[in-house]
Amino acid sequence: MDQPPRRPDRLIWIQLAGVAAAFALLAALPPAHGPILLVPVKAGARGQMVPLALAAGARILAPGRLPASITVYGERARLAGPMLAAGVLILPAVLPCGATAA
């Protein structure tokens, strides 16, 4: 039995969904260097965040907007490995109006 031909508009919607997912992923990627939000997601990660951040050369800026989170100024490449291994998410930080990270 022959299958009906695929509708081209279905393929377009699939492609648009892929593009939207790619943009969402890029929006969640912290900057290469600059303000970064550290969010503990694993039990015990909260106590490891500050020592790991300082060991990676980051500077503590302020408490984060999420519970138990902190905002640091640092390099994503140096923070990513230790933080992810400890169960800490690294996200782009939004500084309060008038605040500077430098």
N, C-alpha and C. Protein backbone atom coordinates (compact mmCIF):
# COMPACT_ATOMS: atom_id res chain seq x y z
N MET A 1 0.83 -1.17 0.00
CA MET A 1 0.00 0.00 0.00
C MET A 1 0.88 1.24 0.00
N ASP A 2 0.57 2.18 -0.84
CA ASP A 2 1.36 3.39 -0.96
C ASP A 2 1.05 4.33 0.20
N GLN A 3 2.11 5.01 0.66
CA GLN A 3 1.93 6.01 1.70
C GLN A 3 1.64 7.35 1.06
N PRO A 4 0.84 8.16 1.71
CA PRO A 4 0.57 9.49 1.15
C PRO A 4 1.85 10.32 1.19
N PRO A 5 2.01 11.22 0.26
CA PRO A 5 3.21 12.05 0.25
C PRO A 5 3.27 12.94 1.50
N ARG A 6 4.49 13.21 1.95
CA ARG A 6 4.66 14.07 3.13
C ARG A 6 4.32 15.50 2.79
N ARG A 7 3.72 16.14 3.74
CA ARG A 7 3.38 17.55 3.54
C ARG A 7 4.60 18.40 3.85
N PRO A 8 4.98 19.31 2.97
CA PRO A 8 6.17 20.13 3.20
C PRO A 8 6.05 21.04 4.42
N ASP A 9 4.83 21.45 4.79
CA ASP A 9 4.71 22.34 5.94
C ASP A 9 5.09 21.65 7.24
N ARG A 10 4.93 20.33 7.32
CA ARG A 10 5.33 19.59 8.52
C ARG A 10 6.85 19.65 8.69
N LEU A 11 7.59 19.52 7.63
CA LEU A 11 9.04 19.59 7.68
C LEU A 11 9.50 20.98 8.11
N ILE A 12 8.82 22.00 7.65
CA ILE A 12 9.17 23.37 8.03
C ILE A 12 8.99 23.55 9.54
N TRP A 13 7.91 23.04 10.10
CA TRP A 13 7.67 23.18 11.54
C TRP A 13 8.73 22.44 12.34
N ILE A 14 9.17 21.31 11.86
CA ILE A 14 10.22 20.56 12.55
C ILE A 14 11.52 21.36 12.52
N GLN A 15 11.84 21.96 11.39
CA GLN A 15 13.05 22.78 11.29
C GLN A 15 12.97 24.01 12.19
N LEU A 16 11.81 24.65 12.23
CA LEU A 16 11.64 25.82 13.11
C LEU A 16 11.78 25.43 14.58
N ALA A 17 11.29 24.28 14.95
CA ALA A 17 11.44 23.82 16.33
C ALA A 17 12.91 23.59 16.66
N GLY A 18 13.67 23.06 15.72
CA GLY A 18 15.10 22.86 15.92
C GLY A 18 15.85 24.17 16.09
N VAL A 19 15.50 25.15 15.30
CA VAL A 19 16.13 26.47 15.41
C VAL A 19 15.77 27.12 16.75
N ALA A 20 14.53 27.01 17.16
CA ALA A 20 14.10 27.57 18.45
C ALA A 20 14.84 26.90 19.61
N ALA A 21 15.03 25.59 19.54
CA ALA A 21 15.76 24.87 20.58
C ALA A 21 17.22 25.32 20.63
N ALA A 22 17.82 25.55 19.47
CA ALA A 22 19.21 26.01 19.42
C ALA A 22 19.35 27.39 20.06
N PHE A 23 18.41 28.29 19.79
CA PHE A 23 18.46 29.62 20.39
C PHE A 23 18.25 29.54 21.91
N ALA A 24 17.37 28.66 22.36
CA ALA A 24 17.15 28.50 23.80
C ALA A 24 18.42 27.99 24.49
N LEU A 25 19.11 27.07 23.85
CA LEU A 25 20.35 26.55 24.40
C LEU A 25 21.41 27.64 24.48
N LEU A 26 21.52 28.45 23.44
CA LEU A 26 22.50 29.54 23.44
C LEU A 26 22.18 30.58 24.51
N ALA A 27 20.91 30.82 24.76
CA ALA A 27 20.52 31.80 25.78
C ALA A 27 20.90 31.33 27.18
N ALA A 28 20.96 30.02 27.40
CA ALA A 28 21.30 29.48 28.71
C ALA A 28 22.80 29.30 28.89
N LEU A 29 23.59 29.55 27.86
CA LEU A 29 25.04 29.39 27.93
C LEU A 29 25.65 30.63 28.57
N PRO A 30 26.44 30.45 29.65
CA PRO A 30 27.04 31.63 30.27
C PRO A 30 28.11 32.24 29.36
N PRO A 31 28.48 33.50 29.60
CA PRO A 31 29.49 34.13 28.76
C PRO A 31 30.86 33.47 28.95
N ALA A 32 31.75 33.65 27.99
CA ALA A 32 33.10 33.08 28.10
C ALA A 32 33.81 33.64 29.33
N HIS A 33 33.63 34.90 29.61
CA HIS A 33 34.10 35.50 30.85
C HIS A 33 33.17 36.66 31.19
N GLY A 34 32.92 36.80 32.46
CA GLY A 34 31.99 37.82 32.91
C GLY A 34 31.16 37.32 34.07
N PRO A 35 30.03 37.95 34.34
CA PRO A 35 29.19 37.52 35.45
C PRO A 35 28.50 36.19 35.16
N ILE A 36 28.62 35.28 36.11
CA ILE A 36 28.06 33.93 35.96
C ILE A 36 27.31 33.58 37.23
N LEU A 37 26.14 33.01 37.07
CA LEU A 37 25.32 32.57 38.19
C LEU A 37 25.62 31.11 38.48
N LEU A 38 25.94 30.80 39.73
CA LEU A 38 26.20 29.42 40.15
C LEU A 38 25.01 28.94 40.99
N VAL A 39 24.39 27.84 40.56
CA VAL A 39 23.19 27.33 41.22
C VAL A 39 23.42 25.88 41.63
N PRO A 40 23.43 25.59 42.94
CA PRO A 40 23.62 24.20 43.37
C PRO A 40 22.36 23.37 43.11
N VAL A 41 22.56 22.19 42.54
CA VAL A 41 21.41 21.31 42.27
C VAL A 41 21.58 19.94 42.90
N LYS A 42 22.71 19.69 43.51
CA LYS A 42 23.00 18.39 44.11
C LYS A 42 23.22 18.59 45.61
N ALA A 43 22.82 17.62 46.40
CA ALA A 43 23.03 17.71 47.85
C ALA A 43 24.51 17.89 48.14
N GLY A 44 24.83 18.83 49.00
CA GLY A 44 26.21 19.09 49.36
C GLY A 44 26.94 20.04 48.43
N ALA A 45 26.35 20.39 47.31
CA ALA A 45 27.02 21.28 46.35
C ALA A 45 27.12 22.71 46.87
N ARG A 46 26.18 23.10 47.70
CA ARG A 46 26.17 24.49 48.21
C ARG A 46 27.45 24.82 48.97
N GLY A 47 27.93 23.89 49.78
CA GLY A 47 29.14 24.12 50.56
C GLY A 47 30.41 24.11 49.73
N GLN A 48 30.37 23.53 48.54
CA GLN A 48 31.55 23.45 47.68
C GLN A 48 31.65 24.61 46.70
N MET A 49 30.57 25.34 46.49
CA MET A 49 30.56 26.37 45.45
C MET A 49 31.62 27.44 45.63
N VAL A 50 31.66 28.06 46.79
CA VAL A 50 32.58 29.18 47.00
C VAL A 50 34.04 28.73 46.91
N PRO A 51 34.45 27.66 47.61
CA PRO A 51 35.85 27.25 47.49
C PRO A 51 36.24 26.86 46.05
N LEU A 52 35.34 26.19 45.35
CA LEU A 52 35.64 25.82 43.96
C LEU A 52 35.71 27.04 43.05
N ALA A 53 34.83 28.00 43.26
CA ALA A 53 34.83 29.21 42.44
C ALA A 53 36.12 29.99 42.66
N LEU A 54 36.53 30.13 43.92
CA LEU A 54 37.76 30.86 44.22
C LEU A 54 38.98 30.13 43.66
N ALA A 55 38.98 28.80 43.75
CA ALA A 55 40.09 28.01 43.22
C ALA A 55 40.17 28.14 41.70
N ALA A 56 39.04 28.39 41.03
CA ALA A 56 39.01 28.55 39.57
C ALA A 56 39.29 30.00 39.17
N GLY A 57 39.64 30.85 40.14
CA GLY A 57 39.99 32.23 39.82
C GLY A 57 38.82 33.18 39.72
N ALA A 58 37.64 32.76 40.15
CA ALA A 58 36.46 33.63 40.08
C ALA A 58 36.43 34.59 41.26
N ARG A 59 35.74 35.69 41.07
CA ARG A 59 35.55 36.68 42.11
C ARG A 59 34.07 36.68 42.51
N ILE A 60 33.80 36.56 43.79
CA ILE A 60 32.41 36.55 44.28
C ILE A 60 31.86 37.97 44.16
N LEU A 61 30.69 38.11 43.53
CA LEU A 61 30.07 39.43 43.36
C LEU A 61 28.93 39.66 44.35
N ALA A 62 27.99 38.70 44.43
CA ALA A 62 26.80 38.92 45.25
C ALA A 62 26.02 37.61 45.36
N PRO A 63 25.07 37.57 46.29
CA PRO A 63 24.15 36.43 46.28
C PRO A 63 23.37 36.41 44.98
N GLY A 64 23.01 35.23 44.51
CA GLY A 64 22.23 35.11 43.29
C GLY A 64 20.76 35.36 43.52
N ARG A 65 20.01 35.41 42.44
CA ARG A 65 18.56 35.65 42.54
C ARG A 65 17.79 34.38 42.90
N LEU A 66 18.41 33.22 42.72
CA LEU A 66 17.77 31.95 43.06
C LEU A 66 18.24 31.52 44.46
N PRO A 67 17.44 30.74 45.16
CA PRO A 67 17.83 30.30 46.50
C PRO A 67 19.17 29.56 46.47
N ALA A 68 20.06 29.90 47.40
CA ALA A 68 21.37 29.28 47.59
C ALA A 68 22.34 29.53 46.45
N SER A 69 22.02 30.41 45.51
CA SER A 69 22.90 30.68 44.38
C SER A 69 23.80 31.88 44.67
N ILE A 70 24.90 31.98 43.92
CA ILE A 70 25.79 33.12 44.03
C ILE A 70 26.16 33.60 42.63
N THR A 71 26.48 34.88 42.54
CA THR A 71 26.94 35.47 41.29
C THR A 71 28.43 35.72 41.41
N VAL A 72 29.18 35.24 40.41
CA VAL A 72 30.63 35.41 40.39
C VAL A 72 31.05 36.06 39.09
N TYR A 73 32.25 36.59 39.07
CA TYR A 73 32.85 37.09 37.84
C TYR A 73 34.01 36.15 37.56
N GLY A 74 33.97 35.45 36.44
CA GLY A 74 35.02 34.49 36.15
C GLY A 74 34.98 34.03 34.71
N GLU A 75 35.75 33.00 34.44
CA GLU A 75 35.85 32.42 33.11
C GLU A 75 35.08 31.10 33.06
N ARG A 76 34.20 30.99 32.08
CA ARG A 76 33.39 29.79 31.93
C ARG A 76 34.25 28.54 31.81
N ALA A 77 35.34 28.60 31.04
CA ALA A 77 36.18 27.42 30.81
C ALA A 77 36.81 26.92 32.10
N ARG A 78 37.17 27.82 32.99
CA ARG A 78 37.79 27.41 34.25
C ARG A 78 36.76 26.95 35.27
N LEU A 79 35.55 27.47 35.21
CA LEU A 79 34.50 27.12 36.18
C LEU A 79 33.72 25.86 35.80
N ALA A 80 33.55 25.63 34.51
CA ALA A 80 32.62 24.59 34.04
C ALA A 80 32.94 23.20 34.61
N GLY A 81 34.15 22.74 34.46
CA GLY A 81 34.50 21.38 34.90
C GLY A 81 34.27 21.14 36.38
N PRO A 82 34.91 21.95 37.26
CA PRO A 82 34.73 21.72 38.69
C PRO A 82 33.28 21.89 39.17
N MET A 83 32.60 22.89 38.62
CA MET A 83 31.23 23.14 39.07
C MET A 83 30.28 22.02 38.65
N LEU A 84 30.37 21.62 37.41
CA LEU A 84 29.47 20.55 36.94
C LEU A 84 29.76 19.24 37.67
N ALA A 85 31.04 18.97 37.97
CA ALA A 85 31.39 17.76 38.72
C ALA A 85 30.83 17.80 40.15
N ALA A 86 30.72 19.00 40.72
CA ALA A 86 30.20 19.16 42.08
C ALA A 86 28.68 19.24 42.12
N GLY A 87 28.03 19.30 40.97
CA GLY A 87 26.57 19.41 40.93
C GLY A 87 26.07 20.84 40.99
N VAL A 88 26.82 21.75 40.36
CA VAL A 88 26.45 23.16 40.34
C VAL A 88 26.25 23.58 38.89
N LEU A 89 25.09 24.15 38.59
CA LEU A 89 24.82 24.67 37.24
C LEU A 89 25.47 26.02 37.09
N ILE A 90 26.00 26.29 35.88
CA ILE A 90 26.53 27.62 35.58
C ILE A 90 25.63 28.24 34.52
N LEU A 91 25.12 29.41 34.83
CA LEU A 91 24.16 30.10 33.96
C LEU A 91 24.59 31.55 33.78
N PRO A 92 24.10 32.21 32.74
CA PRO A 92 24.40 33.64 32.62
C PRO A 92 23.75 34.41 33.76
N ALA A 93 24.48 35.36 34.32
CA ALA A 93 23.95 36.14 35.43
C ALA A 93 23.41 37.47 34.92
N VAL A 94 22.37 37.93 35.56
CA VAL A 94 21.80 39.24 35.28
C VAL A 94 22.12 40.11 36.48
N LEU A 95 22.97 41.11 36.26
CA LEU A 95 23.34 42.00 37.37
C LEU A 95 22.25 43.03 37.57
N PRO A 96 22.06 43.46 38.83
CA PRO A 96 21.06 44.50 39.10
C PRO A 96 21.41 45.80 38.37
N CYS A 97 20.44 46.60 38.12
CA CYS A 97 20.63 47.85 37.41
C CYS A 97 21.64 48.73 38.17
N GLY A 98 22.63 49.21 37.45
CA GLY A 98 23.65 50.07 38.05
C GLY A 98 24.85 49.32 38.58
N ALA A 99 24.77 47.98 38.69
CA ALA A 99 25.89 47.20 39.20
C ALA A 99 26.91 46.98 38.09
N THR A 100 28.17 46.92 38.47
CA THR A 100 29.22 46.63 37.51
C THR A 100 29.99 45.41 37.96
N ALA A 101 30.45 44.63 37.01
CA ALA A 101 31.19 43.40 37.32
C ALA A 101 32.68 43.63 37.31
N ALA A 102 33.14 44.74 36.78
CA ALA A 102 34.58 44.98 36.67
C ALA A 102 35.20 45.43 37.97
